[in-house]
Protein backbone atom coordinates (compact mmCIF):
# COMPACT_ATOMS: atom_id res chain seq x y z
CA MET A 1 102.21 77.23 131.15
CA SER A 2 102.12 77.25 135.08
CA LEU A 3 101.91 80.65 136.69
CA ASP A 4 105.54 80.47 137.80
CA GLU A 5 106.68 79.89 134.40
CA LEU A 6 104.69 82.74 133.01
CA TYR A 7 106.16 85.05 135.94
CA ARG A 8 109.65 83.96 135.05
CA GLU A 9 109.01 84.86 131.23
CA ILE A 10 107.83 88.50 132.31
CA ILE A 11 110.92 88.90 134.48
CA LEU A 12 113.15 87.33 131.67
CA ASP A 13 111.56 89.52 129.01
CA HIS A 14 112.03 92.55 131.05
CA TYR A 15 115.67 91.79 131.42
CA LYS A 16 116.45 90.85 127.67
CA ASN A 17 114.38 93.85 126.42
CA PRO A 18 114.36 96.46 129.13
CA ARG A 19 112.24 99.45 129.07
CA ASN A 20 113.33 102.79 129.59
CA LYS A 21 116.85 101.92 129.93
CA ARG A 22 118.57 104.95 128.76
CA PRO A 23 120.02 108.43 129.82
CA LEU A 24 117.03 110.94 130.81
CA PRO A 25 118.90 114.28 130.78
CA ALA A 26 117.36 117.17 132.96
CA ALA A 27 115.63 114.75 135.36
CA ASP A 28 114.25 116.18 138.64
CA ILE A 29 115.09 112.90 140.37
CA ASP A 30 118.46 111.50 139.81
CA LEU A 31 119.75 108.90 142.16
CA GLU A 32 122.29 106.20 141.95
CA ARG A 33 122.53 103.06 144.36
CA ASN A 34 124.03 99.74 144.48
CA ASN A 35 123.69 96.39 146.06
CA PRO A 36 127.30 95.36 147.32
CA LEU A 37 126.12 91.90 148.00
CA CYS A 38 125.77 90.96 144.56
CA GLY A 39 127.16 94.02 142.50
CA ASP A 40 123.83 95.45 141.12
CA GLU A 41 124.03 99.18 140.18
CA ILE A 42 121.04 101.43 139.51
CA THR A 43 120.74 104.97 138.54
CA VAL A 44 116.86 105.96 138.60
CA ARG A 45 115.96 109.18 136.95
CA VAL A 46 112.64 110.78 136.75
CA ARG A 47 111.16 114.19 134.97
CA LEU A 48 108.25 115.61 136.45
CA ALA A 49 105.38 117.80 135.14
CA ASN A 50 103.15 119.45 137.36
CA GLY A 51 103.85 116.78 140.23
CA VAL A 52 103.36 113.95 137.92
CA VAL A 53 105.74 111.53 136.37
CA ALA A 54 106.20 112.70 132.83
CA ASP A 55 109.20 110.32 131.97
CA ALA A 56 111.22 107.66 133.80
CA ALA A 57 114.27 105.93 133.05
CA PHE A 58 117.38 103.71 134.59
CA GLU A 59 120.67 102.91 133.72
CA GLY A 60 122.96 100.31 135.41
CA GLN A 61 123.88 96.52 135.53
CA GLY A 62 123.18 93.57 137.42
CA CYS A 63 121.48 90.43 137.81
CA SER A 64 118.29 89.76 135.75
CA ILE A 65 115.91 90.47 138.77
CA SER A 66 117.25 93.92 139.62
CA GLN A 67 117.29 95.07 136.03
CA ALA A 68 113.59 93.61 135.33
CA SER A 69 112.58 95.31 138.43
CA ALA A 70 113.98 98.56 137.27
CA SER A 71 112.34 98.24 133.92
CA MET A 72 109.08 97.52 135.38
CA LEU A 73 109.33 100.35 137.90
CA THR A 74 109.76 102.96 134.99
CA GLU A 75 106.92 101.43 133.21
CA MET A 76 104.68 101.72 136.25
CA ALA A 77 105.69 105.03 137.61
CA LYS A 78 104.92 107.01 134.21
CA GLY A 79 101.88 109.00 134.52
CA LYS A 80 101.62 108.82 138.53
CA SER A 81 101.74 111.65 140.96
CA LEU A 82 104.58 111.53 143.60
CA ASP A 83 101.85 110.38 146.17
CA GLU A 84 100.68 107.56 143.75
CA VAL A 85 104.46 106.50 143.23
CA GLU A 86 105.05 106.15 146.90
CA ALA A 87 101.94 104.09 147.24
CA LEU A 88 103.35 101.82 144.54
CA VAL A 89 106.80 101.62 146.25
CA LEU A 90 104.98 100.58 149.45
CA ALA A 91 102.75 98.13 147.91
CA PHE A 92 105.63 96.57 146.30
CA ARG A 93 107.85 96.53 149.31
CA GLY A 94 105.10 95.07 151.24
CA MET A 95 104.60 92.08 148.86
CA MET A 96 108.61 91.66 148.79
CA SER A 97 108.45 91.42 152.63
CA GLY A 98 105.67 89.05 152.58
CA LYS A 99 103.59 91.42 154.80
CA SER A 100 101.05 92.57 152.00
CA GLU A 101 99.07 90.57 149.70
CA ALA A 102 98.66 93.42 147.21
CA GLY A 103 97.32 91.71 144.03
CA GLU A 104 97.42 92.11 140.09
CA GLU A 105 94.92 94.60 140.16
CA HIS A 106 97.10 97.08 141.98
CA LEU A 107 100.65 95.77 141.17
CA GLY A 108 99.98 94.49 137.44
CA ASP A 109 102.83 92.40 136.19
CA LEU A 110 104.95 93.06 139.35
CA VAL A 111 103.41 90.20 140.91
CA ALA A 112 105.92 88.30 138.80
CA PHE A 113 108.45 88.98 141.51
CA LYS A 114 106.13 87.31 144.35
CA GLY A 115 108.35 84.06 143.75
CA VAL A 116 111.54 86.00 144.75
CA VAL A 117 110.34 86.18 148.27
CA LYS A 118 111.32 82.56 148.75
CA TYR A 119 115.00 83.66 148.22
CA PRO A 120 115.72 86.37 150.78
CA VAL A 121 119.10 87.26 149.43
CA ARG A 122 117.38 87.92 146.18
CA ILE A 123 114.94 90.40 147.61
CA LYS A 124 117.60 93.13 147.88
CA CYS A 125 117.97 92.75 144.00
CA ALA A 126 114.29 93.29 143.34
CA VAL A 127 113.69 96.26 145.63
CA LEU A 128 117.07 98.09 144.67
CA ALA A 129 115.31 100.42 141.99
CA TRP A 130 112.28 100.94 144.12
CA ASP A 131 114.38 102.00 147.37
CA THR A 132 116.25 104.37 145.23
CA LEU A 133 113.17 105.83 143.72
CA GLN A 134 111.73 106.31 147.26
CA GLU A 135 114.76 107.93 148.45
CA GLY A 136 114.97 110.33 145.43
CA VAL A 137 111.16 111.27 145.91
CA THR A 138 112.00 112.08 149.78
CA LYS A 139 114.91 114.23 148.61
CA HIS A 140 112.99 115.84 145.80
CA ARG A 141 110.41 116.79 148.39
CA GLY A 142 113.05 118.27 150.62
CA GLY A 143 113.38 115.20 153.19
CA ALA A 144 116.61 113.73 154.56
């Protein structure tokens, strides 16, 4: 199995068996966004405990890339501080923009989305949940 095939399998697994796709009552961060170009809709919710992500979930619909990305985001965010979450968002965005070579040691299975960079119209699908989370963290911290 080639690396590209393995990455496709990871994305398909998260699409077919999404992790944390559920409501999350009493979330500290709760933000909905969409990608009008392809119809993806995502709501990202995070519950914090002492500045650390105690739980993360998402709801929504869309293409396999947007849904798998949201699933992986919720897994990766759990247990991290808001600063660590923001660093992860920056690393993922850097990889998706082709400006960073963050590797598996930092991004884990998220490197499966590296191939999406070849399809610029699909990058927005992959980063939708991440941008939503970043905006939610900024709002939570009292930013604009």
